[in-house]
Amino acid sequence: MEWNNPDAYPGESEYEYELRKSKESEASTGLLFMILNFLFLIIKIAALYGIFFYAGFLISENILGDGSDKTNLIIFTILFTYLIFCIIYFLKGVNIALRAKKSKLWVLPWTICILVCCIAPALLVKSIIPELFSYNSKDSIFVIGLSWISFFLFSLYTYSLYKFNLEIVPKIFSWSYYLGIKSV
């Protein structure tokens, strides 16, 4: 046993060795998938909400100035990001209320929400895809096609997350959503 498998425990049978190795392999594979799922979650959050955090950062940086305290910059960035999301959910409330009243004006807030929440992040993803390839292959039809496919799929994915046609809203933004419903 030790000659074929130098990492076997003393007195371990071939069956026990194979069983232990398969469990170790399954554990490492599970850990790898857990890490990949976590990285995918981070990328998803960055792609979906990063543009809004960046907009909140730019607004707070313009208001506070370049030499501002980092703590104030972080606080104002979070505040302005929250306000941006409140505006989005306000428009979603207006959209739902106008649709319930059978008004054709529901298309306007729906279009604004789609442009801001789906198209803008998808354009960001579309611009990142060619950067993953070498400089010479960025203009190839494959890379251009891949970037447009990623744009289309990501915009559909973000649309499925926001659910602009359903009355679903996170509790933290519900006041803004209901204000949008009452305003119509």
N, C-alpha and C. Protein backbone atom coordinates (compact mmCIF):
# COMPACT_ATOMS: atom_id res chain seq x y z
N MET A 1 0.82 -1.19 0.00
CA MET A 1 0.00 0.00 0.00
C MET A 1 0.86 1.25 0.00
N GLU A 2 1.90 1.29 0.82
CA GLU A 2 2.71 2.50 0.92
C GLU A 2 3.53 2.73 -0.35
N TRP A 3 3.82 1.66 -1.05
CA TRP A 3 4.63 1.82 -2.27
C TRP A 3 3.82 2.51 -3.36
N ASN A 4 2.54 2.13 -3.51
CA ASN A 4 1.70 2.73 -4.54
C ASN A 4 1.18 4.10 -4.13
N ASN A 5 0.92 4.28 -2.86
CA ASN A 5 0.34 5.53 -2.37
C ASN A 5 1.14 6.02 -1.17
N PRO A 6 2.13 6.83 -1.41
CA PRO A 6 2.98 7.26 -0.29
C PRO A 6 2.26 8.12 0.74
N ASP A 7 1.11 8.68 0.40
CA ASP A 7 0.39 9.50 1.37
C ASP A 7 -0.66 8.72 2.14
N ALA A 8 -0.65 7.39 2.03
CA ALA A 8 -1.60 6.56 2.78
C ALA A 8 -1.20 6.51 4.24
N TYR A 9 -2.21 6.43 5.10
CA TYR A 9 -1.95 6.30 6.53
C TYR A 9 -1.46 4.89 6.84
N PRO A 10 -0.65 4.74 7.90
CA PRO A 10 -0.18 3.39 8.24
C PRO A 10 -1.37 2.48 8.60
N GLY A 11 -1.40 1.31 8.02
CA GLY A 11 -2.44 0.33 8.28
C GLY A 11 -3.73 0.60 7.54
N GLU A 12 -3.75 1.58 6.65
CA GLU A 12 -4.96 1.92 5.91
C GLU A 12 -5.10 0.98 4.71
N SER A 13 -6.31 0.44 4.52
CA SER A 13 -6.54 -0.47 3.40
C SER A 13 -6.72 0.34 2.12
N GLU A 14 -6.68 -0.36 1.00
CA GLU A 14 -6.85 0.28 -0.30
C GLU A 14 -8.24 0.93 -0.39
N TYR A 15 -9.26 0.26 0.11
CA TYR A 15 -10.63 0.78 0.09
C TYR A 15 -10.74 2.05 0.94
N GLU A 16 -10.16 2.02 2.15
CA GLU A 16 -10.20 3.20 3.02
C GLU A 16 -9.46 4.37 2.39
N TYR A 17 -8.34 4.06 1.75
CA TYR A 17 -7.55 5.10 1.08
C TYR A 17 -8.37 5.75 -0.05
N GLU A 18 -8.98 4.95 -0.90
CA GLU A 18 -9.77 5.47 -2.02
C GLU A 18 -10.97 6.28 -1.52
N LEU A 19 -11.61 5.80 -0.46
CA LEU A 19 -12.75 6.51 0.12
C LEU A 19 -12.31 7.87 0.68
N ARG A 20 -11.20 7.90 1.39
CA ARG A 20 -10.69 9.16 1.95
C ARG A 20 -10.30 10.12 0.84
N LYS A 21 -9.65 9.63 -0.20
CA LYS A 21 -9.24 10.50 -1.30
C LYS A 21 -10.43 11.05 -2.07
N SER A 22 -11.48 10.24 -2.24
CA SER A 22 -12.65 10.75 -2.96
C SER A 22 -13.35 11.83 -2.12
N LYS A 23 -13.40 11.65 -0.80
CA LYS A 23 -14.01 12.68 0.06
C LYS A 23 -13.20 13.97 0.03
N GLU A 24 -11.87 13.84 0.03
CA GLU A 24 -11.02 15.03 -0.06
C GLU A 24 -11.23 15.74 -1.39
N SER A 25 -11.36 14.97 -2.45
CA SER A 25 -11.58 15.55 -3.77
C SER A 25 -12.92 16.26 -3.84
N GLU A 26 -13.97 15.64 -3.30
CA GLU A 26 -15.29 16.27 -3.28
C GLU A 26 -15.28 17.54 -2.45
N ALA A 27 -14.57 17.52 -1.34
CA ALA A 27 -14.51 18.71 -0.48
C ALA A 27 -13.80 19.85 -1.18
N SER A 28 -12.71 19.55 -1.87
CA SER A 28 -11.97 20.61 -2.56
C SER A 28 -12.77 21.14 -3.74
N THR A 29 -13.49 20.25 -4.44
CA THR A 29 -14.33 20.70 -5.54
C THR A 29 -15.46 21.58 -5.02
N GLY A 30 -16.07 21.19 -3.90
CA GLY A 30 -17.13 22.00 -3.30
C GLY A 30 -16.62 23.37 -2.88
N LEU A 31 -15.42 23.40 -2.32
CA LEU A 31 -14.82 24.68 -1.92
C LEU A 31 -14.55 25.55 -3.13
N LEU A 32 -14.06 24.94 -4.20
CA LEU A 32 -13.79 25.69 -5.42
C LEU A 32 -15.08 26.29 -5.98
N PHE A 33 -16.16 25.51 -6.03
CA PHE A 33 -17.42 26.04 -6.52
C PHE A 33 -17.99 27.11 -5.60
N MET A 34 -17.77 26.96 -4.31
CA MET A 34 -18.23 27.98 -3.37
C MET A 34 -17.48 29.29 -3.61
N ILE A 35 -16.18 29.22 -3.84
CA ILE A 35 -15.40 30.42 -4.13
C ILE A 35 -15.83 31.04 -5.45
N LEU A 36 -16.06 30.21 -6.46
CA LEU A 36 -16.50 30.73 -7.76
C LEU A 36 -17.88 31.37 -7.66
N ASN A 37 -18.78 30.78 -6.90
CA ASN A 37 -20.11 31.38 -6.70
C ASN A 37 -20.00 32.72 -5.98
N PHE A 38 -19.10 32.81 -5.01
CA PHE A 38 -18.90 34.07 -4.30
C PHE A 38 -18.34 35.13 -5.24
N LEU A 39 -17.36 34.75 -6.08
CA LEU A 39 -16.81 35.70 -7.04
C LEU A 39 -17.86 36.14 -8.05
N PHE A 40 -18.70 35.20 -8.49
CA PHE A 40 -19.77 35.55 -9.42
C PHE A 40 -20.75 36.52 -8.76
N LEU A 41 -21.04 36.31 -7.49
CA LEU A 41 -21.93 37.21 -6.76
C LEU A 41 -21.32 38.60 -6.67
N ILE A 42 -20.04 38.69 -6.40
CA ILE A 42 -19.35 39.99 -6.32
C ILE A 42 -19.38 40.69 -7.67
N ILE A 43 -19.13 39.95 -8.75
CA ILE A 43 -19.16 40.54 -10.09
C ILE A 43 -20.56 40.99 -10.44
N LYS A 44 -21.56 40.18 -10.07
CA LYS A 44 -22.96 40.55 -10.34
C LYS A 44 -23.34 41.81 -9.60
N ILE A 45 -22.98 41.90 -8.34
CA ILE A 45 -23.30 43.10 -7.56
C ILE A 45 -22.58 44.32 -8.13
N ALA A 46 -21.32 44.13 -8.51
CA ALA A 46 -20.57 45.25 -9.07
C ALA A 46 -21.17 45.71 -10.40
N ALA A 47 -21.58 44.77 -11.23
CA ALA A 47 -22.14 45.15 -12.53
C ALA A 47 -23.53 45.75 -12.39
N LEU A 48 -24.34 45.23 -11.48
CA LEU A 48 -25.71 45.71 -11.34
C LEU A 48 -25.79 47.03 -10.59
N TYR A 49 -25.05 47.14 -9.51
CA TYR A 49 -25.20 48.30 -8.64
C TYR A 49 -23.98 49.22 -8.64
N GLY A 50 -22.89 48.78 -9.23
CA GLY A 50 -21.66 49.57 -9.24
C GLY A 50 -21.82 50.91 -9.93
N ILE A 51 -22.60 50.92 -10.98
CA ILE A 51 -22.80 52.17 -11.71
C ILE A 51 -23.52 53.20 -10.85
N PHE A 52 -24.42 52.74 -9.98
CA PHE A 52 -25.14 53.65 -9.09
C PHE A 52 -24.25 54.12 -7.95
N PHE A 53 -23.40 53.22 -7.43
CA PHE A 53 -22.44 53.64 -6.40
C PHE A 53 -21.45 54.65 -6.98
N TYR A 54 -21.04 54.41 -8.21
CA TYR A 54 -20.11 55.34 -8.85
C TYR A 54 -20.77 56.70 -9.08
N ALA A 55 -22.03 56.70 -9.50
CA ALA A 55 -22.75 57.96 -9.68
C ALA A 55 -22.89 58.69 -8.35
N GLY A 56 -23.20 57.94 -7.28
CA GLY A 56 -23.28 58.55 -5.95
C GLY A 56 -21.94 59.11 -5.51
N PHE A 57 -20.87 58.40 -5.85
CA PHE A 57 -19.53 58.87 -5.52
C PHE A 57 -19.21 60.16 -6.27
N LEU A 58 -19.53 60.20 -7.56
CA LEU A 58 -19.25 61.40 -8.35
C LEU A 58 -20.05 62.61 -7.84
N ILE A 59 -21.29 62.38 -7.49
CA ILE A 59 -22.11 63.48 -6.96
C ILE A 59 -21.54 63.99 -5.65
N SER A 60 -21.20 63.07 -4.75
CA SER A 60 -20.67 63.50 -3.44
C SER A 60 -19.29 64.13 -3.59
N GLU A 61 -18.50 63.66 -4.53
CA GLU A 61 -17.18 64.27 -4.74
C GLU A 61 -17.32 65.68 -5.30
N ASN A 62 -18.29 65.89 -6.17
CA ASN A 62 -18.51 67.24 -6.71
C ASN A 62 -19.03 68.19 -5.64
N ILE A 63 -19.86 67.70 -4.75
CA ILE A 63 -20.41 68.55 -3.69
C ILE A 63 -19.35 68.85 -2.63
N LEU A 64 -18.64 67.82 -2.18
CA LEU A 64 -17.67 68.00 -1.09
C LEU A 64 -16.33 68.55 -1.56
N GLY A 65 -15.96 68.32 -2.80
CA GLY A 65 -14.67 68.77 -3.31
C GLY A 65 -13.63 67.67 -3.21
N ASP A 66 -12.50 67.90 -3.84
CA ASP A 66 -11.45 66.89 -3.89
C ASP A 66 -10.75 66.66 -2.56
N GLY A 67 -10.60 67.66 -1.76
CA GLY A 67 -9.86 67.54 -0.51
C GLY A 67 -10.73 67.17 0.68
N SER A 68 -11.84 66.50 0.45
CA SER A 68 -12.76 66.21 1.55
C SER A 68 -12.30 64.99 2.35
N ASP A 69 -12.84 64.89 3.53
CA ASP A 69 -12.56 63.77 4.42
C ASP A 69 -13.13 62.48 3.81
N LYS A 70 -12.40 61.39 3.88
CA LYS A 70 -12.84 60.13 3.28
C LYS A 70 -14.10 59.59 3.96
N THR A 71 -14.23 59.81 5.24
CA THR A 71 -15.42 59.34 5.95
C THR A 71 -16.66 60.07 5.44
N ASN A 72 -16.55 61.39 5.30
CA ASN A 72 -17.67 62.16 4.75
C ASN A 72 -17.98 61.74 3.32
N LEU A 73 -16.94 61.47 2.55
CA LEU A 73 -17.12 61.03 1.16
C LEU A 73 -17.87 59.70 1.10
N ILE A 74 -17.53 58.78 1.96
CA ILE A 74 -18.22 57.48 2.00
C ILE A 74 -19.66 57.65 2.43
N ILE A 75 -19.89 58.45 3.47
CA ILE A 75 -21.26 58.67 3.96
C ILE A 75 -22.12 59.31 2.89
N PHE A 76 -21.60 60.34 2.22
CA PHE A 76 -22.37 61.01 1.19
C PHE A 76 -22.56 60.12 -0.04
N THR A 77 -21.58 59.29 -0.35
CA THR A 77 -21.73 58.35 -1.47
C THR A 77 -22.86 57.38 -1.20
N ILE A 78 -22.93 56.84 0.00
CA ILE A 78 -24.01 55.92 0.36
C ILE A 78 -25.34 56.66 0.34
N LEU A 79 -25.37 57.88 0.84
CA LEU A 79 -26.61 58.67 0.85
C LEU A 79 -27.10 58.94 -0.57
N PHE A 80 -26.22 59.40 -1.45
CA PHE A 80 -26.65 59.70 -2.82
C PHE A 80 -26.99 58.44 -3.61
N THR A 81 -26.32 57.35 -3.33
CA THR A 81 -26.68 56.08 -3.97
C THR A 81 -28.08 55.66 -3.54
N TYR A 82 -28.36 55.82 -2.27
CA TYR A 82 -29.70 55.51 -1.76
C TYR A 82 -30.74 56.40 -2.43
N LEU A 83 -30.44 57.67 -2.58
CA LEU A 83 -31.39 58.59 -3.22
C LEU A 83 -31.61 58.23 -4.69
N ILE A 84 -30.56 57.79 -5.37
CA ILE A 84 -30.70 57.36 -6.77
C ILE A 84 -31.65 56.17 -6.85
N PHE A 85 -31.47 55.20 -5.95
CA PHE A 85 -32.38 54.05 -5.94
C PHE A 85 -33.80 54.45 -5.56
N CYS A 86 -33.94 55.43 -4.69
CA CYS A 86 -35.27 55.92 -4.34
C CYS A 86 -35.96 56.52 -5.56
N ILE A 87 -35.22 57.24 -6.37
CA ILE A 87 -35.79 57.82 -7.60
C ILE A 87 -36.21 56.70 -8.56
N ILE A 88 -35.38 55.67 -8.66
CA ILE A 88 -35.71 54.54 -9.54
C ILE A 88 -37.00 53.86 -9.07
N TYR A 89 -37.12 53.61 -7.78
CA TYR A 89 -38.31 52.94 -7.28
C TYR A 89 -39.53 53.87 -7.26
N PHE A 90 -39.31 55.17 -7.16
CA PHE A 90 -40.41 56.12 -7.34
C PHE A 90 -40.96 56.01 -8.75
N LEU A 91 -40.06 55.97 -9.74
CA LEU A 91 -40.49 55.84 -11.14
C LEU A 91 -41.18 54.49 -11.37
N LYS A 92 -40.70 53.46 -10.68
CA LYS A 92 -41.37 52.16 -10.79
C LYS A 92 -42.79 52.25 -10.24
N GLY A 93 -42.98 52.94 -9.13
CA GLY A 93 -44.31 53.13 -8.57
C GLY A 93 -45.21 53.91 -9.52
N VAL A 94 -44.68 54.95 -10.14
CA VAL A 94 -45.44 55.72 -11.13
C VAL A 94 -45.82 54.81 -12.30
N ASN A 95 -44.88 54.00 -12.74
CA ASN A 95 -45.12 53.06 -13.84
C ASN A 95 -46.26 52.11 -13.49
N ILE A 96 -46.22 51.51 -12.32
CA ILE A 96 -47.24 50.55 -11.90
C ILE A 96 -48.60 51.23 -11.78
N ALA A 97 -48.63 52.44 -11.21
CA ALA A 97 -49.90 53.16 -11.03
C ALA A 97 -50.50 53.56 -12.38
N LEU A 98 -49.68 54.05 -13.29
CA LEU A 98 -50.19 54.42 -14.60
C LEU A 98 -50.67 53.20 -15.38
N ARG A 99 -49.98 52.12 -15.24
CA ARG A 99 -50.40 50.88 -15.92
C ARG A 99 -51.72 50.39 -15.35
N ALA A 100 -51.91 50.51 -14.04
CA ALA A 100 -53.16 50.08 -13.41
C ALA A 100 -54.33 50.96 -13.85
N LYS A 101 -54.05 52.23 -14.13
CA LYS A 101 -55.10 53.15 -14.60
C LYS A 101 -55.31 53.07 -16.10
N LYS A 102 -54.62 52.15 -16.77
CA LYS A 102 -54.74 51.93 -18.22
C LYS A 102 -54.32 53.17 -19.02
N SER A 103 -53.40 53.93 -18.46
CA SER A 103 -52.88 55.10 -19.17
C SER A 103 -51.67 54.68 -20.01
N LYS A 104 -51.58 55.27 -21.18
CA LYS A 104 -50.46 54.94 -22.06
C LYS A 104 -49.16 55.64 -21.63
N LEU A 105 -49.24 56.54 -20.67
CA LEU A 105 -48.06 57.25 -20.19
C LEU A 105 -47.13 56.36 -19.36
N TRP A 106 -47.56 55.15 -19.01
CA TRP A 106 -46.72 54.25 -18.23
C TRP A 106 -45.43 53.93 -18.96
N VAL A 107 -45.42 54.10 -20.27
CA VAL A 107 -44.23 53.78 -21.07
C VAL A 107 -43.08 54.72 -20.73
N LEU A 108 -43.37 55.96 -20.41
CA LEU A 108 -42.31 56.93 -20.12
C LEU A 108 -41.49 56.56 -18.88
N PRO A 109 -42.09 56.36 -17.69
CA PRO A 109 -41.25 55.98 -16.55
C PRO A 109 -40.62 54.59 -16.72
N TRP A 110 -41.32 53.69 -17.42
CA TRP A 110 -40.78 52.37 -17.68
C TRP A 110 -39.53 52.48 -18.54
N THR A 111 -39.57 53.33 -19.57
CA THR A 111 -38.41 53.52 -20.45
C THR A 111 -37.24 54.13 -19.70
N ILE A 112 -37.51 55.10 -18.85
CA ILE A 112 -36.44 55.71 -18.06
C ILE A 112 -35.79 54.67 -17.14
N CYS A 113 -36.62 53.86 -16.49
CA CYS A 113 -36.09 52.81 -15.61
C CYS A 113 -35.26 51.80 -16.40
N ILE A 114 -35.72 51.42 -17.58
CA ILE A 114 -34.99 50.46 -18.41
C ILE A 114 -33.65 51.04 -18.84
N LEU A 115 -33.66 52.29 -19.26
CA LEU A 115 -32.41 52.91 -19.70
C LEU A 115 -31.39 53.01 -18.57
N VAL A 116 -31.87 53.42 -17.39
CA VAL A 116 -30.96 53.63 -16.27
C VAL A 116 -30.50 52.31 -15.64
N CYS A 117 -31.44 51.39 -15.45
CA CYS A 117 -31.13 50.18 -14.68
C CYS A 117 -30.69 48.99 -15.52
N CYS A 118 -31.07 48.94 -16.78
CA CYS A 118 -30.73 47.78 -17.61
C CYS A 118 -29.72 48.11 -18.71
N ILE A 119 -29.98 49.16 -19.45
CA ILE A 119 -29.14 49.48 -20.60
C ILE A 119 -27.78 50.04 -20.16
N ALA A 120 -27.75 50.94 -19.19
CA ALA A 120 -26.47 51.53 -18.76
C ALA A 120 -25.51 50.48 -18.19
N PRO A 121 -25.93 49.59 -17.27
CA PRO A 121 -25.00 48.55 -16.82
C PRO A 121 -24.62 47.56 -17.93
N ALA A 122 -25.56 47.29 -18.84
CA ALA A 122 -25.25 46.38 -19.94
C ALA A 122 -24.22 47.01 -20.88
N LEU A 123 -24.29 48.32 -21.07
CA LEU A 123 -23.26 49.00 -21.88
C LEU A 123 -21.90 48.92 -21.19
N LEU A 124 -21.90 48.99 -19.88
CA LEU A 124 -20.65 48.85 -19.14
C LEU A 124 -20.06 47.46 -19.35
N VAL A 125 -20.90 46.43 -19.26
CA VAL A 125 -20.43 45.06 -19.50
C VAL A 125 -19.96 44.91 -20.93
N LYS A 126 -20.70 45.50 -21.88
CA LYS A 126 -20.32 45.42 -23.30
C LYS A 126 -18.96 46.07 -23.55
N SER A 127 -18.66 47.14 -22.84
CA SER A 127 -17.37 47.80 -23.04
C SER A 127 -16.22 47.05 -22.36
N ILE A 128 -16.54 46.23 -21.35
CA ILE A 128 -15.50 45.48 -20.65
C ILE A 128 -15.08 44.23 -21.44
N ILE A 129 -16.01 43.62 -22.15
CA ILE A 129 -15.73 42.36 -22.86
C ILE A 129 -14.57 42.49 -23.85
N PRO A 130 -14.50 43.50 -24.72
CA PRO A 130 -13.34 43.58 -25.63
C PRO A 130 -12.00 43.77 -24.91
N GLU A 131 -12.03 44.33 -23.71
CA GLU A 131 -10.80 44.54 -22.97
C GLU A 131 -10.21 43.22 -22.45
N LEU A 132 -11.00 42.16 -22.46
CA LEU A 132 -10.51 40.86 -22.03
C LEU A 132 -9.66 40.18 -23.09
N PHE A 133 -9.67 40.71 -24.30
CA PHE A 133 -8.93 40.11 -25.41
C PHE A 133 -7.73 40.97 -25.76
N SER A 134 -6.84 40.41 -26.56
CA SER A 134 -5.63 41.15 -26.95
C SER A 134 -5.99 42.32 -27.87
N TYR A 135 -5.07 43.25 -27.98
CA TYR A 135 -5.32 44.46 -28.75
C TYR A 135 -5.62 44.14 -30.20
N ASN A 136 -4.94 43.15 -30.77
CA ASN A 136 -5.12 42.82 -32.17
C ASN A 136 -6.47 42.16 -32.45
N SER A 137 -7.04 41.47 -31.48
CA SER A 137 -8.29 40.74 -31.73
C SER A 137 -9.53 41.50 -31.27
N LYS A 138 -9.37 42.72 -30.77
CA LYS A 138 -10.54 43.49 -30.30
C LYS A 138 -11.50 43.83 -31.42
N ASP A 139 -11.00 44.00 -32.63
CA ASP A 139 -11.84 44.37 -33.76
C ASP A 139 -12.36 43.17 -34.54
N SER A 140 -12.09 41.97 -34.06
CA SER A 140 -12.57 40.79 -34.78
C SER A 140 -14.08 40.65 -34.62
N ILE A 141 -14.67 39.99 -35.57
CA ILE A 141 -16.13 39.82 -35.55
C ILE A 141 -16.56 38.99 -34.36
N PHE A 142 -15.71 38.07 -33.92
CA PHE A 142 -16.03 37.24 -32.76
C PHE A 142 -16.15 38.09 -31.50
N VAL A 143 -15.20 38.97 -31.26
CA VAL A 143 -15.21 39.81 -30.06
C VAL A 143 -16.37 40.80 -30.10
N ILE A 144 -16.61 41.38 -31.25
CA ILE A 144 -17.73 42.32 -31.38
C ILE A 144 -19.05 41.59 -31.15
N GLY A 145 -19.19 40.42 -31.74
CA GLY A 145 -20.40 39.63 -31.54
C GLY A 145 -20.57 39.20 -30.10
N LEU A 146 -19.47 38.80 -29.48
CA LEU A 146 -19.52 38.39 -28.07
C LEU A 146 -19.91 39.55 -27.17
N SER A 147 -19.40 40.74 -27.47
CA SER A 147 -19.75 41.90 -26.65
C SER A 147 -21.22 42.27 -26.81
N TRP A 148 -21.77 42.17 -28.03
CA TRP A 148 -23.19 42.47 -28.22
C TRP A 148 -24.07 41.39 -27.61
N ILE A 149 -23.65 40.14 -27.67
CA ILE A 149 -24.42 39.06 -27.03
C ILE A 149 -24.42 39.27 -25.52
N SER A 150 -23.25 39.63 -24.95
CA SER A 150 -23.20 39.88 -23.51
C SER A 150 -24.06 41.08 -23.13
N PHE A 151 -24.08 42.11 -23.98
CA PHE A 151 -24.95 43.27 -23.74
C PHE A 151 -26.42 42.84 -23.68
N PHE A 152 -26.84 42.07 -24.67
CA PHE A 152 -28.24 41.63 -24.75
C PHE A 152 -28.60 40.74 -23.56
N LEU A 153 -27.75 39.75 -23.26
CA LEU A 153 -28.05 38.83 -22.17
C LEU A 153 -28.04 39.53 -20.81
N PHE A 154 -27.09 40.44 -20.60
CA PHE A 154 -27.01 41.14 -19.32
C PHE A 154 -28.18 42.09 -19.14
N SER A 155 -28.61 42.74 -20.22
CA SER A 155 -29.77 43.62 -20.08
C SER A 155 -31.03 42.82 -19.78
N LEU A 156 -31.18 41.64 -20.38
CA LEU A 156 -32.31 40.78 -20.04
C LEU A 156 -32.23 40.30 -18.59
N TYR A 157 -31.02 39.99 -18.16
CA TYR A 157 -30.83 39.52 -16.78
C TYR A 157 -31.17 40.62 -15.78
N THR A 158 -30.71 41.83 -16.02
CA THR A 158 -31.02 42.92 -15.09
C THR A 158 -32.51 43.25 -15.11
N TYR A 159 -33.13 43.14 -16.27
CA TYR A 159 -34.57 43.38 -16.34
C TYR A 159 -35.32 42.34 -15.51
N SER A 160 -34.84 41.10 -15.55
CA SER A 160 -35.51 40.06 -14.75
C SER A 160 -35.30 40.27 -13.26
N LEU A 161 -34.23 40.92 -12.87
CA LEU A 161 -34.00 41.19 -11.45
C LEU A 161 -34.85 42.33 -10.92
N TYR A 162 -34.98 43.40 -11.69
CA TYR A 162 -35.73 44.57 -11.21
C TYR A 162 -37.23 44.38 -11.29
N LYS A 163 -37.73 43.58 -12.21
CA LYS A 163 -39.16 43.28 -12.34
C LYS A 163 -39.99 44.56 -12.36
N PHE A 164 -39.79 45.37 -13.39
CA PHE A 164 -40.46 46.67 -13.47
C PHE A 164 -41.97 46.56 -13.70
N ASN A 165 -42.47 45.40 -14.06
CA ASN A 165 -43.90 45.25 -14.29
C ASN A 165 -44.63 44.67 -13.08
N LEU A 166 -43.90 44.27 -12.05
CA LEU A 166 -44.51 43.67 -10.88
C LEU A 166 -44.40 44.59 -9.67
N GLU A 167 -45.31 44.42 -8.75
CA GLU A 167 -45.32 45.25 -7.54
C GLU A 167 -44.41 44.67 -6.48
N ILE A 168 -43.14 44.51 -6.82
CA ILE A 168 -42.15 43.98 -5.90
C ILE A 168 -41.12 45.08 -5.66
N VAL A 169 -40.86 45.34 -4.38
CA VAL A 169 -39.93 46.41 -4.03
C VAL A 169 -39.23 46.03 -2.72
N PRO A 170 -37.92 46.29 -2.62
CA PRO A 170 -37.25 46.07 -1.33
C PRO A 170 -37.83 46.99 -0.25
N LYS A 171 -37.89 46.51 0.97
CA LYS A 171 -38.52 47.29 2.05
C LYS A 171 -37.84 48.63 2.28
N ILE A 172 -36.56 48.70 2.04
CA ILE A 172 -35.82 49.93 2.30
C ILE A 172 -36.24 51.05 1.33
N PHE A 173 -36.79 50.67 0.16
CA PHE A 173 -37.23 51.66 -0.82
C PHE A 173 -38.75 51.73 -0.95
N SER A 174 -39.48 51.06 -0.07
CA SER A 174 -40.93 50.98 -0.22
C SER A 174 -41.61 52.34 -0.08
N TRP A 175 -41.08 53.21 0.77
CA TRP A 175 -41.68 54.53 0.93
C TRP A 175 -41.64 55.30 -0.38
N SER A 176 -40.55 55.19 -1.10
CA SER A 176 -40.40 55.88 -2.37
C SER A 176 -41.33 55.29 -3.42
N TYR A 177 -41.45 53.98 -3.43
CA TYR A 177 -42.32 53.29 -4.36
C TYR A 177 -43.78 53.70 -4.15
N TYR A 178 -44.23 53.69 -2.90
CA TYR A 178 -45.60 54.05 -2.59
C TYR A 178 -45.87 55.54 -2.83
N LEU A 179 -44.86 56.35 -2.67
CA LEU A 179 -45.00 57.77 -3.00
C LEU A 179 -45.22 57.93 -4.51
N GLY A 180 -44.54 57.11 -5.30
CA GLY A 180 -44.75 57.13 -6.75
C GLY A 180 -46.14 56.67 -7.13
N ILE A 181 -46.66 55.67 -6.42
CA ILE A 181 -48.02 55.20 -6.70
C ILE A 181 -49.04 56.28 -6.34
N LYS A 182 -48.84 56.94 -5.19
CA LYS A 182 -49.80 57.97 -4.74
C LYS A 182 -49.73 59.24 -5.58
N SER A 183 -48.62 59.48 -6.24
CA SER A 183 -48.47 60.72 -7.00
C SER A 183 -49.26 60.73 -8.29
N VAL A 184 -49.71 59.55 -8.72
CA VAL A 184 -50.44 59.49 -10.01
C VAL A 184 -51.91 59.67 -9.78
